[in-house]
Amino acid sequence: MPVRRSWARAYNGRMNTNTSLRHAKLFSAASVLMVALLSVAPSHAADEQPVPDTLQQRIATCTACHGVNGEGSPGSGYFPRLAGKPAAYLARQMQDFQNGLRKYAPMEYTVRQLSPAYMREIAEYFAAQEVPYEHSPLPPVSPATLARGEQLVEKGDPERKIPACASCHGSQLTGVEPSIPGLVGLPYDYISAQLGSWRTNTRATVEPDCMSAVANRLSESDITAVAAALASRELPADTHAQPAGSVEPPLPCGVLGAAGGPA
């Protein structure tokens, strides 16, 4: 037994010594690394260039997804065109993301700290951009589906109290100043996703939310039809939004000051 205890003491002593040596080596290595970092840091700081205080620099987060001039990313199918949209509409969308009415984590994070004046400045910049439109890929749909979509776009479905898209978004679907966006040139995936978002309450705006009312009257096949008809539509000669007062909204809309006909 004494031999065993002596062996154990010797073993534990060696282990304690080895552990102490390892700790000392780790501490020494960490100290060397810290000194190296501290010696390098000033030169890195000296090499850093100031970030330009320009609007183009400040909207870099926007243009990364929506294109340099807000032309959108037709190939992706999900990042819509901002160029030429009415400024009040664009500002309202940022406010809706900021207020939790519209859900998309990257956008919510991007606009979280923006002031109303800053959002208005961004909106006015993109509203003033004029860049060519590009059509996005369209999935195969039947002629009957396209015909149903055209019906909903141009005439709606009175029996189900679905107004025509053109009754709000303008006869050429290019939008109406100051707050109604154009629908021409939007990708199929984006249109169908947004109509679905209104149905699932992940997109909303100030009450009364007329688009939520419309989207919830559409069937899933109607959403496919409308998205296909809009995404495949030929562009009009003039793609600018129509002047204010060009349409009489068929439903009360909060974003239009609740103007409109009966729900």
C-alpha atoms as a PDB file:
ATOM      1  CA  MET A   1       0.000   0.000   0.000  1.00  0.00           C
ATOM      2  CA  PRO A   2       2.779   2.548   0.839  1.00  0.00           C
ATOM      3  CA  VAL A   3       4.350   1.793  -2.520  1.00  0.00           C
ATOM      4  CA  ARG A   4       1.083   2.375  -4.295  1.00  0.00           C
ATOM      5  CA  ARG A   5       0.518   5.656  -2.460  1.00  0.00           C
ATOM      6  CA  SER A   6       4.060   6.758  -3.297  1.00  0.00           C
ATOM      7  CA  TRP A   7       3.533   5.860  -6.975  1.00  0.00           C
ATOM      8  CA  ALA A   8       0.258   7.757  -6.997  1.00  0.00           C
ATOM      9  CA  ARG A   9       1.874  10.843  -5.463  1.00  0.00           C
ATOM     10  CA  ALA A  10       4.656  10.742  -8.031  1.00  0.00           C
ATOM     11  CA  TYR A  11       2.173  10.295 -10.903  1.00  0.00           C
ATOM     12  CA  ASN A  12      -0.012  13.145  -9.714  1.00  0.00           C
ATOM     13  CA  GLY A  13       3.052  15.333  -9.267  1.00  0.00           C
ATOM     14  CA  ARG A  14       4.139  14.707 -12.842  1.00  0.00           C
ATOM     15  CA  MET A  15       0.602  15.431 -14.096  1.00  0.00           C
ATOM     16  CA  ASN A  16       0.410  18.685 -12.145  1.00  0.00           C
ATOM     17  CA  THR A  17       3.810  19.724 -13.471  1.00  0.00           C
ATOM     18  CA  ASN A  18       2.834  18.865 -17.059  1.00  0.00           C
ATOM     19  CA  THR A  19      -0.448  20.746 -16.685  1.00  0.00           C
ATOM     20  CA  SER A  20       1.341  23.792 -15.321  1.00  0.00           C
ATOM     21  CA  LEU A  21       3.814  23.689 -18.187  1.00  0.00           C
ATOM     22  CA  ARG A  22       0.977  23.460 -20.743  1.00  0.00           C
ATOM     23  CA  HIS A  23      -0.808  26.408 -19.137  1.00  0.00           C
ATOM     24  CA  ALA A  24       2.426  28.405 -19.151  1.00  0.00           C
ATOM     25  CA  LYS A  25       3.043  27.620 -22.829  1.00  0.00           C
ATOM     26  CA  LEU A  26      -0.539  28.551 -23.760  1.00  0.00           C
ATOM     27  CA  PHE A  27      -0.293  31.799 -21.805  1.00  0.00           C
ATOM     28  CA  SER A  28       3.035  32.602 -23.464  1.00  0.00           C
ATOM     29  CA  ALA A  29       1.661  31.876 -26.943  1.00  0.00           C
ATOM     30  CA  ALA A  30      -1.429  34.006 -26.261  1.00  0.00           C
ATOM     31  CA  SER A  31       0.766  36.853 -25.051  1.00  0.00           C
ATOM     32  CA  VAL A  32       2.903  36.711 -28.187  1.00  0.00           C
ATOM     33  CA  LEU A  33      -0.224  36.699 -30.377  1.00  0.00           C
ATOM     34  CA  MET A  34      -1.689  39.668 -28.520  1.00  0.00           C
ATOM     35  CA  VAL A  35       1.531  41.656 -28.907  1.00  0.00           C
ATOM     36  CA  ALA A  36       1.579  40.827 -32.621  1.00  0.00           C
ATOM     37  CA  LEU A  37      -2.021  41.949 -33.083  1.00  0.00           C
ATOM     38  CA  LEU A  38      -1.455  45.153 -31.187  1.00  0.00           C
ATOM     39  CA  SER A  39       1.635  45.939 -33.236  1.00  0.00           C
ATOM     40  CA  VAL A  40      -0.231  45.353 -36.509  1.00  0.00           C
ATOM     41  CA  ALA A  41      -3.484  47.149 -35.604  1.00  0.00           C
ATOM     42  CA  PRO A  42      -2.217  50.726 -36.047  1.00  0.00           C
ATOM     43  CA  SER A  43      -0.943  50.062 -39.563  1.00  0.00           C
ATOM     44  CA  HIS A  44      -4.294  48.520 -40.570  1.00  0.00           C
ATOM     45  CA  ALA A  45      -6.165  51.491 -39.157  1.00  0.00           C
ATOM     46  CA  ALA A  46      -3.894  53.823 -41.106  1.00  0.00           C
ATOM     47  CA  ASP A  47      -4.649  51.922 -44.323  1.00  0.00           C
ATOM     48  CA  GLU A  48      -8.444  52.129 -43.939  1.00  0.00           C
ATOM     49  CA  GLN A  49     -10.206  54.524 -46.295  1.00  0.00           C
ATOM     50  CA  PRO A  50     -13.205  56.604 -45.131  1.00  0.00           C
ATOM     51  CA  VAL A  51     -16.582  55.408 -46.391  1.00  0.00           C
ATOM     52  CA  PRO A  52     -17.967  57.916 -48.926  1.00  0.00           C
ATOM     53  CA  ASP A  53     -20.955  59.822 -47.583  1.00  0.00           C
ATOM     54  CA  THR A  54     -23.029  59.525 -50.761  1.00  0.00           C
ATOM     55  CA  LEU A  55     -26.534  58.270 -51.427  1.00  0.00           C
ATOM     56  CA  GLN A  56     -25.131  55.579 -53.729  1.00  0.00           C
ATOM     57  CA  GLN A  57     -23.010  54.259 -50.866  1.00  0.00           C
ATOM     58  CA  ARG A  58     -25.918  54.396 -48.428  1.00  0.00           C
ATOM     59  CA  ILE A  59     -28.238  52.451 -50.743  1.00  0.00           C
ATOM     60  CA  ALA A  60     -25.659  49.722 -51.443  1.00  0.00           C
ATOM     61  CA  THR A  61     -27.753  47.304 -49.396  1.00  0.00           C
ATOM     62  CA  CYS A  62     -30.751  48.040 -51.638  1.00  0.00           C
ATOM     63  CA  THR A  63     -28.896  47.733 -54.933  1.00  0.00           C
ATOM     64  CA  ALA A  64     -27.266  44.438 -53.934  1.00  0.00           C
ATOM     65  CA  CYS A  65     -30.651  42.752 -54.444  1.00  0.00           C
ATOM     66  CA  HIS A  66     -32.720  45.211 -56.487  1.00  0.00           C
ATOM     67  CA  GLY A  67     -30.068  46.175 -59.035  1.00  0.00           C
ATOM     68  CA  VAL A  68     -27.738  49.155 -59.356  1.00  0.00           C
ATOM     69  CA  ASN A  69     -30.519  51.410 -60.655  1.00  0.00           C
ATOM     70  CA  GLY A  70     -33.421  49.566 -59.068  1.00  0.00           C
ATOM     71  CA  GLU A  71     -34.077  47.520 -62.207  1.00  0.00           C
ATOM     72  CA  GLY A  72     -34.739  44.409 -60.114  1.00  0.00           C
ATOM     73  CA  SER A  73     -33.272  40.947 -60.557  1.00  0.00           C
ATOM     74  CA  PRO A  74     -35.452  39.235 -63.176  1.00  0.00           C
ATOM     75  CA  GLY A  75     -33.335  36.082 -63.111  1.00  0.00           C
ATOM     76  CA  SER A  76     -34.016  35.496 -59.419  1.00  0.00           C
ATOM     77  CA  GLY A  77     -37.779  35.920 -59.719  1.00  0.00           C
ATOM     78  CA  TYR A  78     -38.144  37.410 -56.237  1.00  0.00           C
ATOM     79  CA  PHE A  79     -36.442  40.823 -56.164  1.00  0.00           C
ATOM     80  CA  PRO A  80     -38.823  43.315 -57.769  1.00  0.00           C
ATOM     81  CA  ARG A  81     -38.129  46.417 -59.784  1.00  0.00           C
ATOM     82  CA  LEU A  82     -37.994  49.654 -57.784  1.00  0.00           C
ATOM     83  CA  ALA A  83     -37.136  52.022 -60.637  1.00  0.00           C
ATOM     84  CA  GLY A  84     -40.007  54.256 -61.635  1.00  0.00           C
ATOM     85  CA  LYS A  85     -42.360  53.156 -58.866  1.00  0.00           C
ATOM     86  CA  PRO A  86     -44.200  56.059 -57.195  1.00  0.00           C
ATOM     87  CA  ALA A  87     -42.083  57.475 -54.370  1.00  0.00           C
ATOM     88  CA  ALA A  88     -44.931  57.429 -51.846  1.00  0.00           C
ATOM     89  CA  TYR A  89     -45.472  53.730 -52.539  1.00  0.00           C
ATOM     90  CA  LEU A  90     -41.781  52.887 -52.037  1.00  0.00           C
ATOM     91  CA  ALA A  91     -41.623  54.891 -48.807  1.00  0.00           C
ATOM     92  CA  ARG A  92     -44.771  53.163 -47.550  1.00  0.00           C
ATOM     93  CA  GLN A  93     -43.250  49.726 -48.138  1.00  0.00           C
ATOM     94  CA  MET A  94     -40.194  50.616 -46.052  1.00  0.00           C
ATOM     95  CA  GLN A  95     -42.470  51.924 -43.310  1.00  0.00           C
ATOM     96  CA  ASP A  96     -44.519  48.715 -43.403  1.00  0.00           C
ATOM     97  CA  PHE A  97     -41.361  46.611 -42.995  1.00  0.00           C
ATOM     98  CA  GLN A  98     -40.243  48.889 -40.174  1.00  0.00           C
ATOM     99  CA  ASN A  99     -43.624  48.652 -38.418  1.00  0.00           C
ATOM    100  CA  GLY A 100     -43.878  44.869 -38.723  1.00  0.00           C
ATOM    101  CA  LEU A 101     -46.791  44.926 -41.165  1.00  0.00           C
ATOM    102  CA  ARG A 102     -44.709  43.357 -43.907  1.00  0.00           C
ATOM    103  CA  LYS A 103     -42.496  40.371 -43.081  1.00  0.00           C
ATOM    104  CA  TYR A 104     -39.116  39.667 -44.665  1.00  0.00           C
ATOM    105  CA  ALA A 105     -36.172  39.507 -42.279  1.00  0.00           C
ATOM    106  CA  PRO A 106     -33.473  41.098 -44.512  1.00  0.00           C
ATOM    107  CA  MET A 107     -35.717  44.067 -45.306  1.00  0.00           C
ATOM    108  CA  GLU A 108     -36.871  44.434 -41.706  1.00  0.00           C
ATOM    109  CA  TYR A 109     -33.234  44.570 -40.583  1.00  0.00           C
ATOM    110  CA  THR A 110     -32.225  46.981 -43.358  1.00  0.00           C
ATOM    111  CA  VAL A 111     -34.844  49.624 -42.570  1.00  0.00           C
ATOM    112  CA  ARG A 112     -34.928  49.200 -38.780  1.00  0.00           C
ATOM    113  CA  GLN A 113     -32.973  52.368 -37.967  1.00  0.00           C
ATOM    114  CA  LEU A 114     -33.954  54.551 -40.941  1.00  0.00           C
ATOM    115  CA  SER A 115     -35.687  57.860 -40.294  1.00  0.00           C
ATOM    116  CA  PRO A 116     -38.795  58.878 -42.299  1.00  0.00           C
ATOM    117  CA  ALA A 117     -36.750  61.547 -44.093  1.00  0.00           C
ATOM    118  CA  TYR A 118     -34.060  59.019 -45.025  1.00  0.00           C
ATOM    119  CA  MET A 119     -36.647  56.547 -46.355  1.00  0.00           C
ATOM    120  CA  ARG A 120     -38.239  59.306 -48.396  1.00  0.00           C
ATOM    121  CA  GLU A 121     -34.837  60.213 -49.879  1.00  0.00           C
ATOM    122  CA  ILE A 122     -34.250  56.588 -50.905  1.00  0.00           C
ATOM    123  CA  ALA A 123     -37.772  56.324 -52.349  1.00  0.00           C
ATOM    124  CA  GLU A 124     -37.367  59.485 -54.418  1.00  0.00           C
ATOM    125  CA  TYR A 125     -34.044  58.273 -55.785  1.00  0.00           C
ATOM    126  CA  PHE A 126     -35.469  54.997 -57.096  1.00  0.00           C
ATOM    127  CA  ALA A 127     -38.691  56.623 -58.300  1.00  0.00           C
ATOM    128  CA  ALA A 128     -36.600  58.881 -60.557  1.00  0.00           C
ATOM    129  CA  GLN A 129     -34.651  56.027 -62.176  1.00  0.00           C
ATOM    130  CA  GLU A 130     -35.498  55.134 -65.779  1.00  0.00           C
ATOM    131  CA  VAL A 131     -33.967  51.851 -66.917  1.00  0.00           C
ATOM    132  CA  PRO A 132     -35.129  49.221 -69.438  1.00  0.00           C
ATOM    133  CA  TYR A 133     -37.471  46.454 -68.329  1.00  0.00           C
ATOM    134  CA  GLU A 134     -36.533  42.791 -68.548  1.00  0.00           C
ATOM    135  CA  HIS A 135     -38.954  39.875 -68.596  1.00  0.00           C
ATOM    136  CA  SER A 136     -38.372  37.114 -66.058  1.00  0.00           C
ATOM    137  CA  PRO A 137     -38.800  33.372 -66.743  1.00  0.00           C
ATOM    138  CA  LEU A 138     -42.398  32.144 -66.852  1.00  0.00           C
ATOM    139  CA  PRO A 139     -43.407  28.575 -65.932  1.00  0.00           C
ATOM    140  CA  PRO A 140     -45.469  26.583 -68.451  1.00  0.00           C
ATOM    141  CA  VAL A 141     -49.169  27.446 -68.119  1.00  0.00           C
ATOM    142  CA  SER A 142     -52.132  26.459 -70.238  1.00  0.00           C
ATOM    143  CA  PRO A 143     -53.944  28.859 -72.592  1.00  0.00           C
ATOM    144  CA  ALA A 144     -56.991  28.544 -70.336  1.00  0.00           C
ATOM    145  CA  THR A 145     -54.948  29.701 -67.338  1.00  0.00           C
ATOM    146  CA  LEU A 146     -53.648  32.721 -69.239  1.00  0.00           C
ATOM    147  CA  ALA A 147     -57.177  33.539 -70.396  1.00  0.00           C
ATOM    148  CA  ARG A 148     -58.448  33.410 -66.811  1.00  0.00           C
ATOM    149  CA  GLY A 149     -55.594  35.655 -65.758  1.00  0.00           C
ATOM    150  CA  GLU A 150     -56.359  38.198 -68.467  1.00  0.00           C
ATOM    151  CA  GLN A 151     -60.002  38.206 -67.382  1.00  0.00           C
ATOM    152  CA  LEU A 152     -59.060  38.967 -63.784  1.00  0.00           C
ATOM    153  CA  VAL A 153     -56.540  41.618 -64.844  1.00  0.00           C
ATOM    154  CA  GLU A 154     -58.892  43.462 -67.202  1.00  0.00           C
ATOM    155  CA  LYS A 155     -62.415  42.740 -65.900  1.00  0.00           C
ATOM    156  CA  GLY A 156     -62.154  41.033 -62.536  1.00  0.00           C
ATOM    157  CA  ASP A 157     -64.833  38.597 -61.353  1.00  0.00           C
ATOM    158  CA  PRO A 158     -67.951  40.531 -60.274  1.00  0.00           C
ATOM    159  CA  GLU A 159     -69.732  37.443 -58.940  1.00  0.00           C
ATOM    160  CA  ARG A 160     -66.941  36.950 -56.382  1.00  0.00           C
ATOM    161  CA  LYS A 161     -66.460  40.690 -55.819  1.00  0.00           C
ATOM    162  CA  ILE A 162     -62.952  40.592 -57.281  1.00  0.00           C
ATOM    163  CA  PRO A 163     -62.144  43.928 -58.935  1.00  0.00           C
ATOM    164  CA  ALA A 164     -59.974  44.084 -62.035  1.00  0.00           C
ATOM    165  CA  CYS A 165     -56.280  44.795 -61.449  1.00  0.00           C
ATOM    166  CA  ALA A 166     -56.588  47.629 -63.982  1.00  0.00           C
ATOM    167  CA  SER A 167     -59.291  49.346 -61.923  1.00  0.00           C
ATOM    168  CA  CYS A 168     -56.656  50.310 -59.332  1.00  0.00           C
ATOM    169  CA  HIS A 169     -53.265  49.948 -61.025  1.00  0.00           C
ATOM    170  CA  GLY A 170     -54.201  51.904 -64.143  1.00  0.00           C
ATOM    171  CA  SER A 171     -55.417  51.020 -67.603  1.00  0.00           C
ATOM    172  CA  GLN A 172     -51.865  50.118 -68.672  1.00  0.00           C
ATOM    173  CA  LEU A 173     -50.987  48.586 -65.269  1.00  0.00           C
ATOM    174  CA  THR A 174     -48.131  51.065 -64.871  1.00  0.00           C
ATOM    175  CA  GLY A 175     -49.401  52.368 -61.511  1.00  0.00           C
ATOM    176  CA  VAL A 176     -50.993  55.632 -60.465  1.00  0.00           C
ATOM    177  CA  GLU A 177     -49.394  58.516 -58.576  1.00  0.00           C
ATOM    178  CA  PRO A 178     -48.771  58.925 -55.736  1.00  0.00           C
ATOM    179  CA  SER A 179     -49.225  55.526 -54.055  1.00  0.00           C
ATOM    180  CA  ILE A 180     -50.315  52.772 -56.457  1.00  0.00           C
ATOM    181  CA  PRO A 181     -47.480  50.668 -57.939  1.00  0.00           C
ATOM    182  CA  GLY A 182     -47.149  49.402 -61.476  1.00  0.00           C
ATOM    183  CA  LEU A 183     -47.536  45.677 -62.097  1.00  0.00           C
ATOM    184  CA  VAL A 184     -45.984  45.406 -65.551  1.00  0.00           C
ATOM    185  CA  GLY A 185     -42.577  43.771 -65.679  1.00  0.00           C
ATOM    186  CA  LEU A 186     -42.864  42.080 -62.285  1.00  0.00           C
ATOM    187  CA  PRO A 187     -41.613  38.465 -62.100  1.00  0.00           C
ATOM    188  CA  TYR A 188     -44.144  35.625 -61.921  1.00  0.00           C
ATOM    189  CA  ASP A 189     -42.638  34.260 -58.690  1.00  0.00           C
ATOM    190  CA  TYR A 190     -42.755  37.653 -56.998  1.00  0.00           C
ATOM    191  CA  ILE A 191     -46.401  38.312 -57.916  1.00  0.00           C
ATOM    192  CA  SER A 192     -47.613  34.892 -56.786  1.00  0.00           C
ATOM    193  CA  ALA A 193     -45.536  35.102 -53.586  1.00  0.00           C
ATOM    194  CA  GLN A 194     -46.950  38.524 -52.664  1.00  0.00           C
ATOM    195  CA  LEU A 195     -50.559  37.501 -53.273  1.00  0.00           C
ATOM    196  CA  GLY A 196     -49.889  34.460 -51.093  1.00  0.00           C
ATOM    197  CA  SER A 197     -48.347  36.712 -48.420  1.00  0.00           C
ATOM    198  CA  TRP A 198     -51.512  38.800 -48.234  1.00  0.00           C
ATOM    199  CA  ARG A 199     -53.505  35.614 -47.741  1.00  0.00           C
ATOM    200  CA  THR A 200     -51.225  34.410 -44.915  1.00  0.00           C
ATOM    201  CA  ASN A 201     -50.936  37.838 -43.229  1.00  0.00           C
ATOM    202  CA  THR A 202     -47.186  38.098 -43.793  1.00  0.00           C
ATOM    203  CA  ARG A 203     -47.810  41.188 -45.903  1.00  0.00           C
ATOM    204  CA  ALA A 204     -50.161  43.923 -44.811  1.00  0.00           C
ATOM    205  CA  THR A 205     -50.504  47.685 -44.748  1.00  0.00           C
ATOM    206  CA  VAL A 206     -52.620  50.313 -43.051  1.00  0.00           C
ATOM    207  CA  GLU A 207     -56.302  49.459 -42.698  1.00  0.00           C
ATOM    208  CA  PRO A 208     -58.474  49.061 -44.587  1.00  0.00           C
ATOM    209  CA  ASP A 209     -56.093  46.787 -46.477  1.00  0.00           C
ATOM    210  CA  CYS A 210     -57.758  46.515 -49.878  1.00  0.00           C
ATOM    211  CA  MET A 211     -55.128  44.169 -51.325  1.00  0.00           C
ATOM    212  CA  SER A 212     -55.645  41.730 -48.474  1.00  0.00           C
ATOM    213  CA  ALA A 213     -59.362  41.729 -49.246  1.00  0.00           C
ATOM    214  CA  VAL A 214     -58.712  41.041 -52.936  1.00  0.00           C
ATOM    215  CA  ALA A 215     -56.063  38.357 -52.367  1.00  0.00           C
ATOM    216  CA  ASN A 216     -58.335  36.457 -49.985  1.00  0.00           C
ATOM    217  CA  ARG A 217     -61.059  36.310 -52.626  1.00  0.00           C
ATOM    218  CA  LEU A 218     -58.685  34.692 -55.115  1.00  0.00           C
ATOM    219  CA  SER A 219     -58.294  30.923 -55.314  1.00  0.00           C
ATOM    220  CA  GLU A 220     -54.849  29.357 -55.660  1.00  0.00           C
ATOM    221  CA  SER A 221     -55.505  28.775 -59.360  1.00  0.00           C
ATOM    222  CA  ASP A 222     -56.522  32.427 -59.728  1.00  0.00           C
ATOM    223  CA  ILE A 223     -53.198  33.516 -58.217  1.00  0.00           C
ATOM    224  CA  THR A 224     -51.325  31.366 -60.729  1.00  0.00           C
ATOM    225  CA  ALA A 225     -53.428  32.815 -63.552  1.00  0.00           C
ATOM    226  CA  VAL A 226     -52.983  36.460 -62.525  1.00  0.00           C
ATOM    227  CA  ALA A 227     -49.236  36.061 -61.951  1.00  0.00           C
ATOM    228  CA  ALA A 228     -48.792  34.413 -65.356  1.00  0.00           C
ATOM    229  CA  ALA A 229     -50.897  37.005 -67.178  1.00  0.00           C
ATOM    230  CA  LEU A 230     -49.063  39.949 -65.609  1.00  0.00           C
ATOM    231  CA  ALA A 231     -45.561  38.491 -65.989  1.00  0.00           C
ATOM    232  CA  SER A 232     -46.124  37.688 -69.665  1.00  0.00           C
ATOM    233  CA  ARG A 233     -47.770  40.986 -70.546  1.00  0.00           C
ATOM    234  CA  GLU A 234     -46.204  43.177 -73.224  1.00  0.00           C
ATOM    235  CA  LEU A 235     -44.922  46.512 -72.002  1.00  0.00           C
ATOM    236  CA  PRO A 236     -46.854  49.626 -73.019  1.00  0.00           C
ATOM    237  CA  ALA A 237     -45.125  52.408 -74.923  1.00  0.00           C
ATOM    238  CA  ASP A 238     -45.284  54.643 -71.832  1.00  0.00           C
ATOM    239  CA  THR A 239     -44.348  52.819 -68.627  1.00  0.00           C
ATOM    240  CA  HIS A 240     -44.664  55.838 -66.323  1.00  0.00           C
ATOM    241  CA  ALA A 241     -47.289  55.849 -63.587  1.00  0.00           C
ATOM    242  CA  GLN A 242     -50.527  57.574 -64.518  1.00  0.00           C
ATOM    243  CA  PRO A 243     -51.309  60.957 -62.931  1.00  0.00           C
ATOM    244  CA  ALA A 244     -53.067  61.160 -59.579  1.00  0.00           C
ATOM    245  CA  GLY A 245     -56.827  60.940 -59.872  1.00  0.00           C
ATOM    246  CA  SER A 246     -56.713  58.718 -62.984  1.00  0.00           C
ATOM    247  CA  VAL A 247     -58.649  55.905 -61.274  1.00  0.00           C
ATOM    248  CA  GLU A 248     -61.482  55.572 -58.783  1.00  0.00           C
ATOM    249  CA  PRO A 249     -60.537  52.641 -56.517  1.00  0.00           C
ATOM    250  CA  PRO A 250     -63.348  50.080 -56.252  1.00  0.00           C
ATOM    251  CA  LEU A 251     -62.517  49.274 -52.601  1.00  0.00           C
ATOM    252  CA  PRO A 252     -61.663  51.408 -49.569  1.00  0.00           C
ATOM    253  CA  CYS A 253     -57.862  51.531 -49.231  1.00  0.00           C
ATOM    254  CA  GLY A 254     -56.018  52.835 -46.202  1.00  0.00           C
ATOM    255  CA  VAL A 255     -52.937  53.750 -48.246  1.00  0.00           C
ATOM    256  CA  LEU A 256     -55.179  55.996 -50.355  1.00  0.00           C
ATOM    257  CA  GLY A 257     -56.776  57.671 -47.366  1.00  0.00           C
ATOM    258  CA  ALA A 258     -59.558  55.025 -47.350  1.00  0.00           C
ATOM    259  CA  ALA A 259     -60.864  56.361 -50.673  1.00  0.00           C
ATOM    260  CA  GLY A 260     -62.766  53.896 -52.806  1.00  0.00           C
ATOM    261  CA  GLY A 261     -66.054  52.151 -53.335  1.00  0.00           C
ATOM    262  CA  PRO A 262     -67.813  49.571 -51.163  1.00  0.00           C
ATOM    263  CA  ALA A 263     -65.906  46.552 -49.915  1.00  0.00           C
END
